[in-house]
Amino acid sequence: MGLISCGLGENIHFRCLAASLPNLNKRPPYGRFPLWHNRRMFHRFKTIFVGLMFTGLVPLAWAAEAAGTNDPTAGWTLQPLHYSIQFPYNLRQADRYAFVATNDTHHFWVFSNDLPHAQISHTLPRTEMRVEGDYTSGQHQFEADMMIPPGTSNVSLVQVFGGSLRGHSTSLQIRVYDGQLKYYNDSVLRPDICGKWLHLNVTHDVATHAIRIFIDYKLVMTVADNGGKSWYFKCGVYGQEGMSREMEAYFRNVKLYTR
């Protein structure tokens, strides 16, 4: 049992080699989730690991990660989630969206030849969750587990809607292009994501205009918003130029926080 690497920064991230202990951070195939996604069990194990840390039975690095030092939601307050679904106006919601309550999974899909979400709209096809409760101040956070099936490309997956600068009506879009997760169509946030579950946190501080993107509990980007007077979160599939014929995404355990 030994420490492989340790990095210290705005977020502490540790990796340990523990031959006799399970890899609790490894994500199983979609349909099942690791133990950390059960918050009640998480806090039970946190107490156990912190205690074992002082006995020397658990490496300090692993205990620090178990104690939640990488959790972007630490110190935030969970809020109720209210939303509506936007989908092609000539179809039924069930034609492009499904929700499985037993595992809290939202399934979104849309086709490149679908109509907009409103008859008066001239935007590209979408099936999206529009989070209710626009905000104008404070700090706000979106959290979810996300999986994009192979073949989905040139599509927006997560948005902070609201913006007035640089010709944007949004302050953030997280998109996928050829398997790469990107900030708009620019910087790569994570390569080779298709067919894999990942954990996403997005925070927006209205006072400082800072938007932070975390993937699997690691900070990967901090950017300025695009101005605006009010904002809200969206997730799902929203086609972009050159979109694939079919666009599909799964979001699980969607949560909102404030502080």
C-alpha atoms as a PDB file:
ATOM      1  CA  MET A   1       0.000   0.000   0.000  1.00  0.00           C
ATOM      2  CA  GLY A   2       1.608   3.282  -1.014  1.00  0.00           C
ATOM      3  CA  LEU A   3       0.979   6.832  -2.087  1.00  0.00           C
ATOM      4  CA  ILE A   4       1.210   7.247  -5.862  1.00  0.00           C
ATOM      5  CA  SER A   5       0.732  11.001  -6.244  1.00  0.00           C
ATOM      6  CA  CYS A   6      -0.413  14.005  -4.299  1.00  0.00           C
ATOM      7  CA  GLY A   7      -1.225  17.445  -5.676  1.00  0.00           C
ATOM      8  CA  LEU A   8      -2.198  20.505  -3.685  1.00  0.00           C
ATOM      9  CA  GLY A   9      -4.052  23.466  -5.183  1.00  0.00           C
ATOM     10  CA  GLU A  10      -7.421  25.173  -4.999  1.00  0.00           C
ATOM     11  CA  ASN A  11      -8.813  21.648  -4.804  1.00  0.00           C
ATOM     12  CA  ILE A  12      -6.912  18.845  -3.059  1.00  0.00           C
ATOM     13  CA  HIS A  13      -6.757  15.645  -5.076  1.00  0.00           C
ATOM     14  CA  PHE A  14      -5.142  12.446  -3.918  1.00  0.00           C
ATOM     15  CA  ARG A  15      -4.688   9.059  -5.546  1.00  0.00           C
ATOM     16  CA  CYS A  16      -3.677   5.986  -3.606  1.00  0.00           C
ATOM     17  CA  LEU A  17      -2.578   2.480  -4.444  1.00  0.00           C
ATOM     18  CA  ALA A  18      -4.291   0.120  -2.058  1.00  0.00           C
ATOM     19  CA  ALA A  19      -4.121  -3.457  -3.235  1.00  0.00           C
ATOM     20  CA  SER A  20      -6.326  -4.737  -0.453  1.00  0.00           C
ATOM     21  CA  LEU A  21      -8.927  -1.972  -0.672  1.00  0.00           C
ATOM     22  CA  PRO A  22     -11.563  -1.399  -3.375  1.00  0.00           C
ATOM     23  CA  ASN A  23     -11.346   1.526  -5.771  1.00  0.00           C
ATOM     24  CA  LEU A  24     -14.370   3.480  -4.584  1.00  0.00           C
ATOM     25  CA  ASN A  25     -13.842   6.228  -7.160  1.00  0.00           C
ATOM     26  CA  LYS A  26     -14.092   3.933 -10.188  1.00  0.00           C
ATOM     27  CA  ARG A  27     -17.422   4.338 -11.956  1.00  0.00           C
ATOM     28  CA  PRO A  28     -19.286   1.160 -12.908  1.00  0.00           C
ATOM     29  CA  PRO A  29     -21.198   0.791 -16.171  1.00  0.00           C
ATOM     30  CA  TYR A  30     -24.187   3.077 -16.277  1.00  0.00           C
ATOM     31  CA  GLY A  31     -27.220   1.717 -14.539  1.00  0.00           C
ATOM     32  CA  ARG A  32     -25.294   1.391 -11.235  1.00  0.00           C
ATOM     33  CA  PHE A  33     -23.481   4.012  -9.205  1.00  0.00           C
ATOM     34  CA  PRO A  34     -20.598   3.984  -6.706  1.00  0.00           C
ATOM     35  CA  LEU A  35     -21.211   4.140  -2.999  1.00  0.00           C
ATOM     36  CA  TRP A  36     -20.364   7.828  -2.771  1.00  0.00           C
ATOM     37  CA  HIS A  37     -23.608   8.729  -4.557  1.00  0.00           C
ATOM     38  CA  ASN A  38     -25.587   7.595  -1.529  1.00  0.00           C
ATOM     39  CA  ARG A  39     -25.072  10.593   0.743  1.00  0.00           C
ATOM     40  CA  ARG A  40     -26.228   8.846   3.911  1.00  0.00           C
ATOM     41  CA  MET A  41     -23.718   6.032   3.381  1.00  0.00           C
ATOM     42  CA  PHE A  42     -21.073   8.584   2.412  1.00  0.00           C
ATOM     43  CA  HIS A  43     -21.273  10.271   5.798  1.00  0.00           C
ATOM     44  CA  ARG A  44     -21.133   6.905   7.581  1.00  0.00           C
ATOM     45  CA  PHE A  45     -17.960   5.942   5.718  1.00  0.00           C
ATOM     46  CA  LYS A  46     -16.500   9.416   6.228  1.00  0.00           C
ATOM     47  CA  THR A  47     -16.721   8.916   9.999  1.00  0.00           C
ATOM     48  CA  ILE A  48     -15.177   5.437   9.762  1.00  0.00           C
ATOM     49  CA  PHE A  49     -12.293   6.536   7.523  1.00  0.00           C
ATOM     50  CA  VAL A  50     -11.420   9.606   9.576  1.00  0.00           C
ATOM     51  CA  GLY A  51     -11.231   7.374  12.642  1.00  0.00           C
ATOM     52  CA  LEU A  52      -9.085   4.784  10.858  1.00  0.00           C
ATOM     53  CA  MET A  53      -6.786   7.510   9.609  1.00  0.00           C
ATOM     54  CA  PHE A  54      -5.573   8.141  13.142  1.00  0.00           C
ATOM     55  CA  THR A  55      -4.960   4.418  13.714  1.00  0.00           C
ATOM     56  CA  GLY A  56      -2.742   4.258  10.631  1.00  0.00           C
ATOM     57  CA  LEU A  57      -4.975   1.694   8.928  1.00  0.00           C
ATOM     58  CA  VAL A  58      -5.946   4.052   6.108  1.00  0.00           C
ATOM     59  CA  PRO A  59      -3.467   6.256   4.198  1.00  0.00           C
ATOM     60  CA  LEU A  60      -3.827   9.940   5.014  1.00  0.00           C
ATOM     61  CA  ALA A  61      -4.442  10.799   1.365  1.00  0.00           C
ATOM     62  CA  TRP A  62      -7.309   8.334   0.957  1.00  0.00           C
ATOM     63  CA  ALA A  63      -8.887   9.456   4.229  1.00  0.00           C
ATOM     64  CA  ALA A  64      -8.724  13.082   3.094  1.00  0.00           C
ATOM     65  CA  GLU A  65     -10.573  12.243  -0.094  1.00  0.00           C
ATOM     66  CA  ALA A  66     -13.145  10.152   1.807  1.00  0.00           C
ATOM     67  CA  ALA A  67     -13.723  13.043   4.188  1.00  0.00           C
ATOM     68  CA  GLY A  68     -14.998  15.095   1.287  1.00  0.00           C
ATOM     69  CA  THR A  69     -12.187  17.622   0.803  1.00  0.00           C
ATOM     70  CA  ASN A  70     -12.845  17.453  -2.957  1.00  0.00           C
ATOM     71  CA  ASP A  71     -16.604  18.005  -2.700  1.00  0.00           C
ATOM     72  CA  PRO A  72     -17.534  21.266  -4.497  1.00  0.00           C
ATOM     73  CA  THR A  73     -20.860  21.301  -2.620  1.00  0.00           C
ATOM     74  CA  ALA A  74     -19.256  21.507   0.837  1.00  0.00           C
ATOM     75  CA  GLY A  75     -20.642  24.579   2.601  1.00  0.00           C
ATOM     76  CA  TRP A  76     -23.498  24.970   0.106  1.00  0.00           C
ATOM     77  CA  THR A  77     -27.232  24.565   0.817  1.00  0.00           C
ATOM     78  CA  LEU A  78     -29.295  22.114  -1.216  1.00  0.00           C
ATOM     79  CA  GLN A  79     -32.338  23.709  -2.879  1.00  0.00           C
ATOM     80  CA  PRO A  80     -35.572  22.205  -4.268  1.00  0.00           C
ATOM     81  CA  LEU A  81     -35.406  21.352  -7.965  1.00  0.00           C
ATOM     82  CA  HIS A  82     -38.240  22.672 -10.136  1.00  0.00           C
ATOM     83  CA  TYR A  83     -38.074  22.487 -13.900  1.00  0.00           C
ATOM     84  CA  SER A  84     -39.894  22.232 -17.199  1.00  0.00           C
ATOM     85  CA  ILE A  85     -38.901  20.225 -20.278  1.00  0.00           C
ATOM     86  CA  GLN A  86     -38.426  21.890 -23.653  1.00  0.00           C
ATOM     87  CA  PHE A  87     -38.920  19.616 -26.671  1.00  0.00           C
ATOM     88  CA  PRO A  88     -40.020  19.910 -30.335  1.00  0.00           C
ATOM     89  CA  TYR A  89     -43.346  21.719 -30.258  1.00  0.00           C
ATOM     90  CA  ASN A  90     -45.099  19.335 -32.675  1.00  0.00           C
ATOM     91  CA  LEU A  91     -44.381  16.250 -30.546  1.00  0.00           C
ATOM     92  CA  ARG A  92     -45.338  14.910 -27.144  1.00  0.00           C
ATOM     93  CA  GLN A  93     -42.854  15.230 -24.312  1.00  0.00           C
ATOM     94  CA  ALA A  94     -42.651  11.435 -24.090  1.00  0.00           C
ATOM     95  CA  ASP A  95     -41.441  11.333 -27.708  1.00  0.00           C
ATOM     96  CA  ARG A  96     -38.148  12.963 -26.740  1.00  0.00           C
ATOM     97  CA  TYR A  97     -37.783  12.676 -22.958  1.00  0.00           C
ATOM     98  CA  ALA A  98     -38.082  10.018 -20.248  1.00  0.00           C
ATOM     99  CA  PHE A  99     -37.565  10.070 -16.503  1.00  0.00           C
ATOM    100  CA  VAL A 100     -36.850   6.972 -14.406  1.00  0.00           C
ATOM    101  CA  ALA A 101     -37.731   7.795 -10.809  1.00  0.00           C
ATOM    102  CA  THR A 102     -36.167   4.644  -9.343  1.00  0.00           C
ATOM    103  CA  ASN A 103     -32.666   5.854 -10.193  1.00  0.00           C
ATOM    104  CA  ASP A 104     -33.404   9.570 -10.691  1.00  0.00           C
ATOM    105  CA  THR A 105     -32.310   9.506 -14.336  1.00  0.00           C
ATOM    106  CA  HIS A 106     -33.397  11.952 -17.048  1.00  0.00           C
ATOM    107  CA  HIS A 107     -33.036  10.716 -20.626  1.00  0.00           C
ATOM    108  CA  PHE A 108     -33.021  13.381 -23.366  1.00  0.00           C
ATOM    109  CA  TRP A 109     -32.876  12.808 -27.120  1.00  0.00           C
ATOM    110  CA  VAL A 110     -33.585  14.818 -30.271  1.00  0.00           C
ATOM    111  CA  PHE A 111     -32.955  14.547 -34.024  1.00  0.00           C
ATOM    112  CA  SER A 112     -31.285  17.030 -36.338  1.00  0.00           C
ATOM    113  CA  ASN A 113     -34.467  17.382 -38.444  1.00  0.00           C
ATOM    114  CA  ASP A 114     -36.731  18.036 -35.435  1.00  0.00           C
ATOM    115  CA  LEU A 115     -38.576  21.335 -35.114  1.00  0.00           C
ATOM    116  CA  PRO A 116     -37.726  23.977 -32.452  1.00  0.00           C
ATOM    117  CA  HIS A 117     -39.233  23.901 -28.960  1.00  0.00           C
ATOM    118  CA  ALA A 118     -41.680  26.701 -29.797  1.00  0.00           C
ATOM    119  CA  GLN A 119     -43.533  27.537 -32.991  1.00  0.00           C
ATOM    120  CA  ILE A 120     -42.249  31.115 -32.936  1.00  0.00           C
ATOM    121  CA  SER A 121     -38.640  30.016 -32.306  1.00  0.00           C
ATOM    122  CA  HIS A 122     -36.005  29.842 -35.038  1.00  0.00           C
ATOM    123  CA  THR A 123     -33.466  27.984 -32.891  1.00  0.00           C
ATOM    124  CA  LEU A 124     -32.026  24.535 -33.540  1.00  0.00           C
ATOM    125  CA  PRO A 125     -33.630  21.313 -32.191  1.00  0.00           C
ATOM    126  CA  ARG A 126     -33.457  20.650 -28.483  1.00  0.00           C
ATOM    127  CA  THR A 127     -34.752  18.547 -25.636  1.00  0.00           C
ATOM    128  CA  GLU A 128     -33.681  20.272 -22.441  1.00  0.00           C
ATOM    129  CA  MET A 129     -34.478  20.675 -18.768  1.00  0.00           C
ATOM    130  CA  ARG A 130     -35.107  24.342 -18.069  1.00  0.00           C
ATOM    131  CA  VAL A 131     -34.477  24.868 -14.361  1.00  0.00           C
ATOM    132  CA  GLU A 132     -37.055  27.193 -12.835  1.00  0.00           C
ATOM    133  CA  GLY A 133     -36.128  29.976 -10.448  1.00  0.00           C
ATOM    134  CA  ASP A 134     -34.019  32.554 -12.281  1.00  0.00           C
ATOM    135  CA  TYR A 135     -31.426  34.228 -10.069  1.00  0.00           C
ATOM    136  CA  THR A 136     -29.979  37.741 -10.063  1.00  0.00           C
ATOM    137  CA  SER A 137     -27.500  37.615  -7.167  1.00  0.00           C
ATOM    138  CA  GLY A 138     -25.625  35.243  -4.895  1.00  0.00           C
ATOM    139  CA  GLN A 139     -23.771  32.007  -5.629  1.00  0.00           C
ATOM    140  CA  HIS A 140     -25.481  29.121  -7.411  1.00  0.00           C
ATOM    141  CA  GLN A 141     -24.433  25.583  -8.271  1.00  0.00           C
ATOM    142  CA  PHE A 142     -25.624  22.859 -10.637  1.00  0.00           C
ATOM    143  CA  GLU A 143     -24.630  19.244  -9.940  1.00  0.00           C
ATOM    144  CA  ALA A 144     -25.341  16.063 -11.901  1.00  0.00           C
ATOM    145  CA  ASP A 145     -23.929  12.805 -13.177  1.00  0.00           C
ATOM    146  CA  MET A 146     -23.869  12.771 -16.967  1.00  0.00           C
ATOM    147  CA  MET A 147     -23.386  10.164 -19.691  1.00  0.00           C
ATOM    148  CA  ILE A 148     -23.271  10.849 -23.438  1.00  0.00           C
ATOM    149  CA  PRO A 149     -23.741   7.828 -25.735  1.00  0.00           C
ATOM    150  CA  PRO A 150     -21.267   7.398 -28.609  1.00  0.00           C
ATOM    151  CA  GLY A 151     -22.328   9.145 -31.819  1.00  0.00           C
ATOM    152  CA  THR A 152     -23.729  12.268 -30.175  1.00  0.00           C
ATOM    153  CA  SER A 153     -21.731  15.281 -31.363  1.00  0.00           C
ATOM    154  CA  ASN A 154     -21.913  19.043 -31.896  1.00  0.00           C
ATOM    155  CA  VAL A 155     -24.454  19.521 -29.161  1.00  0.00           C
ATOM    156  CA  SER A 156     -24.783  21.670 -26.046  1.00  0.00           C
ATOM    157  CA  LEU A 157     -25.279  19.632 -22.860  1.00  0.00           C
ATOM    158  CA  VAL A 158     -25.281  22.151 -19.993  1.00  0.00           C
ATOM    159  CA  GLN A 159     -25.947  25.894 -20.040  1.00  0.00           C
ATOM    160  CA  VAL A 160     -25.881  28.856 -17.747  1.00  0.00           C
ATOM    161  CA  PHE A 161     -28.460  30.854 -19.670  1.00  0.00           C
ATOM    162  CA  GLY A 162     -28.225  34.623 -19.506  1.00  0.00           C
ATOM    163  CA  GLY A 163     -25.650  36.914 -21.051  1.00  0.00           C
ATOM    164  CA  SER A 164     -25.206  40.201 -22.867  1.00  0.00           C
ATOM    165  CA  LEU A 165     -21.518  40.395 -23.787  1.00  0.00           C
ATOM    166  CA  ARG A 166     -19.643  39.240 -26.889  1.00  0.00           C
ATOM    167  CA  GLY A 167     -22.892  38.461 -28.671  1.00  0.00           C
ATOM    168  CA  HIS A 168     -23.862  35.726 -26.220  1.00  0.00           C
ATOM    169  CA  SER A 169     -27.281  35.039 -24.731  1.00  0.00           C
ATOM    170  CA  THR A 170     -25.599  32.480 -22.465  1.00  0.00           C
ATOM    171  CA  SER A 171     -22.780  32.703 -19.948  1.00  0.00           C
ATOM    172  CA  LEU A 172     -21.772  29.057 -20.338  1.00  0.00           C
ATOM    173  CA  GLN A 173     -22.323  26.164 -22.682  1.00  0.00           C
ATOM    174  CA  ILE A 174     -20.672  22.792 -22.133  1.00  0.00           C
ATOM    175  CA  ARG A 175     -20.723  20.902 -25.424  1.00  0.00           C
ATOM    176  CA  VAL A 176     -19.495  17.650 -26.914  1.00  0.00           C
ATOM    177  CA  TYR A 177     -17.618  17.458 -30.211  1.00  0.00           C
ATOM    178  CA  ASP A 178     -16.372  14.077 -31.487  1.00  0.00           C
ATOM    179  CA  GLY A 179     -16.205  12.668 -27.974  1.00  0.00           C
ATOM    180  CA  GLN A 180     -14.513  15.706 -26.437  1.00  0.00           C
ATOM    181  CA  LEU A 181     -16.233  17.753 -23.755  1.00  0.00           C
ATOM    182  CA  LYS A 182     -15.644  21.446 -24.481  1.00  0.00           C
ATOM    183  CA  TYR A 183     -16.267  24.966 -23.224  1.00  0.00           C
ATOM    184  CA  TYR A 184     -18.460  26.195 -26.098  1.00  0.00           C
ATOM    185  CA  ASN A 185     -16.515  25.013 -29.192  1.00  0.00           C
ATOM    186  CA  ASP A 186     -13.175  26.054 -27.732  1.00  0.00           C
ATOM    187  CA  SER A 187     -11.181  24.633 -24.811  1.00  0.00           C
ATOM    188  CA  VAL A 188     -11.281  20.877 -24.144  1.00  0.00           C
ATOM    189  CA  LEU A 189     -12.529  20.090 -20.647  1.00  0.00           C
ATOM    190  CA  ARG A 190     -12.259  16.286 -20.887  1.00  0.00           C
ATOM    191  CA  PRO A 191     -11.395  14.056 -23.873  1.00  0.00           C
ATOM    192  CA  ASP A 192     -12.981  10.714 -24.710  1.00  0.00           C
ATOM    193  CA  ILE A 193     -16.152  11.046 -22.623  1.00  0.00           C
ATOM    194  CA  CYS A 194     -18.722   9.101 -24.647  1.00  0.00           C
ATOM    195  CA  GLY A 195     -20.223   6.036 -23.021  1.00  0.00           C
ATOM    196  CA  LYS A 196     -18.772   6.959 -19.609  1.00  0.00           C
ATOM    197  CA  TRP A 197     -20.481   8.465 -16.586  1.00  0.00           C
ATOM    198  CA  LEU A 198     -18.844  11.596 -15.221  1.00  0.00           C
ATOM    199  CA  HIS A 199     -19.714  13.843 -12.306  1.00  0.00           C
ATOM    200  CA  LEU A 200     -20.239  17.523 -13.112  1.00  0.00           C
ATOM    201  CA  ASN A 201     -20.458  20.593 -10.887  1.00  0.00           C
ATOM    202  CA  VAL A 202     -20.879  24.137 -12.217  1.00  0.00           C
ATOM    203  CA  THR A 203     -20.800  27.139  -9.888  1.00  0.00           C
ATOM    204  CA  HIS A 204     -21.687  30.735 -10.723  1.00  0.00           C
ATOM    205  CA  ASP A 205     -20.791  33.653  -8.455  1.00  0.00           C
ATOM    206  CA  VAL A 206     -22.836  36.625  -9.654  1.00  0.00           C
ATOM    207  CA  ALA A 207     -20.837  39.189  -7.651  1.00  0.00           C
ATOM    208  CA  THR A 208     -17.447  38.162  -9.075  1.00  0.00           C
ATOM    209  CA  HIS A 209     -18.826  36.919 -12.449  1.00  0.00           C
ATOM    210  CA  ALA A 210     -16.803  33.716 -11.950  1.00  0.00           C
ATOM    211  CA  ILE A 211     -18.030  30.389 -13.349  1.00  0.00           C
ATOM    212  CA  ARG A 212     -16.172  27.269 -12.225  1.00  0.00           C
ATOM    213  CA  ILE A 213     -16.446  23.848 -13.841  1.00  0.00           C
ATOM    214  CA  PHE A 214     -15.594  20.691 -11.881  1.00  0.00           C
ATOM    215  CA  ILE A 215     -15.401  17.226 -13.449  1.00  0.00           C
ATOM    216  CA  ASP A 216     -15.196  14.229 -11.138  1.00  0.00           C
ATOM    217  CA  TYR A 217     -14.626  16.631  -8.222  1.00  0.00           C
ATOM    218  CA  LYS A 218     -11.614  18.344  -9.829  1.00  0.00           C
ATOM    219  CA  LEU A 219     -11.626  21.998 -10.908  1.00  0.00           C
ATOM    220  CA  VAL A 220     -10.949  22.048 -14.650  1.00  0.00           C
ATOM    221  CA  MET A 221     -11.825  25.631 -15.643  1.00  0.00           C
ATOM    222  CA  THR A 222     -12.621  29.054 -14.230  1.00  0.00           C
ATOM    223  CA  VAL A 223     -14.064  31.626 -16.645  1.00  0.00           C
ATOM    224  CA  ALA A 224     -15.928  34.916 -16.498  1.00  0.00           C
ATOM    225  CA  ASP A 225     -19.624  34.959 -17.301  1.00  0.00           C
ATOM    226  CA  ASN A 226     -20.971  36.944 -20.253  1.00  0.00           C
ATOM    227  CA  GLY A 227     -22.788  39.553 -18.227  1.00  0.00           C
ATOM    228  CA  GLY A 228     -26.553  39.767 -18.120  1.00  0.00           C
ATOM    229  CA  LYS A 229     -29.146  40.614 -15.503  1.00  0.00           C
ATOM    230  CA  SER A 230     -30.564  37.180 -14.656  1.00  0.00           C
ATOM    231  CA  TRP A 231     -29.502  33.572 -15.186  1.00  0.00           C
ATOM    232  CA  TYR A 232     -30.702  29.975 -14.916  1.00  0.00           C
ATOM    233  CA  PHE A 233     -29.341  26.470 -15.559  1.00  0.00           C
ATOM    234  CA  LYS A 234     -30.262  24.092 -18.372  1.00  0.00           C
ATOM    235  CA  CYS A 235     -29.231  20.557 -19.266  1.00  0.00           C
ATOM    236  CA  GLY A 236     -30.101  18.095 -21.999  1.00  0.00           C
ATOM    237  CA  VAL A 237     -29.343  18.162 -25.735  1.00  0.00           C
ATOM    238  CA  TYR A 238     -29.410  21.322 -27.856  1.00  0.00           C
ATOM    239  CA  GLY A 239     -28.115  20.939 -31.404  1.00  0.00           C
ATOM    240  CA  GLN A 240     -25.280  23.122 -32.724  1.00  0.00           C
ATOM    241  CA  GLU A 241     -23.922  23.665 -36.228  1.00  0.00           C
ATOM    242  CA  GLY A 242     -22.904  20.322 -37.753  1.00  0.00           C
ATOM    243  CA  MET A 243     -24.936  18.342 -35.198  1.00  0.00           C
ATOM    244  CA  SER A 244     -25.158  14.562 -35.414  1.00  0.00           C
ATOM    245  CA  ARG A 245     -28.381  13.061 -36.771  1.00  0.00           C
ATOM    246  CA  GLU A 246     -29.385  11.848 -33.315  1.00  0.00           C
ATOM    247  CA  MET A 247     -28.338  13.568 -30.071  1.00  0.00           C
ATOM    248  CA  GLU A 248     -28.784  11.848 -26.743  1.00  0.00           C
ATOM    249  CA  ALA A 249     -27.789  12.402 -23.101  1.00  0.00           C
ATOM    250  CA  TYR A 250     -28.479  10.947 -19.668  1.00  0.00           C
ATOM    251  CA  PHE A 251     -28.423  13.083 -16.509  1.00  0.00           C
ATOM    252  CA  ARG A 252     -28.751  11.547 -13.068  1.00  0.00           C
ATOM    253  CA  ASN A 253     -29.044  13.020  -9.565  1.00  0.00           C
ATOM    254  CA  VAL A 254     -29.561  16.583 -10.754  1.00  0.00           C
ATOM    255  CA  LYS A 255     -29.245  18.988  -7.816  1.00  0.00           C
ATOM    256  CA  LEU A 256     -29.127  22.731  -7.181  1.00  0.00           C
ATOM    257  CA  TYR A 257     -27.300  24.543  -4.367  1.00  0.00           C
ATOM    258  CA  THR A 258     -26.862  28.113  -3.147  1.00  0.00           C
ATOM    259  CA  ARG A 259     -24.728  29.928  -0.608  1.00  0.00           C
END
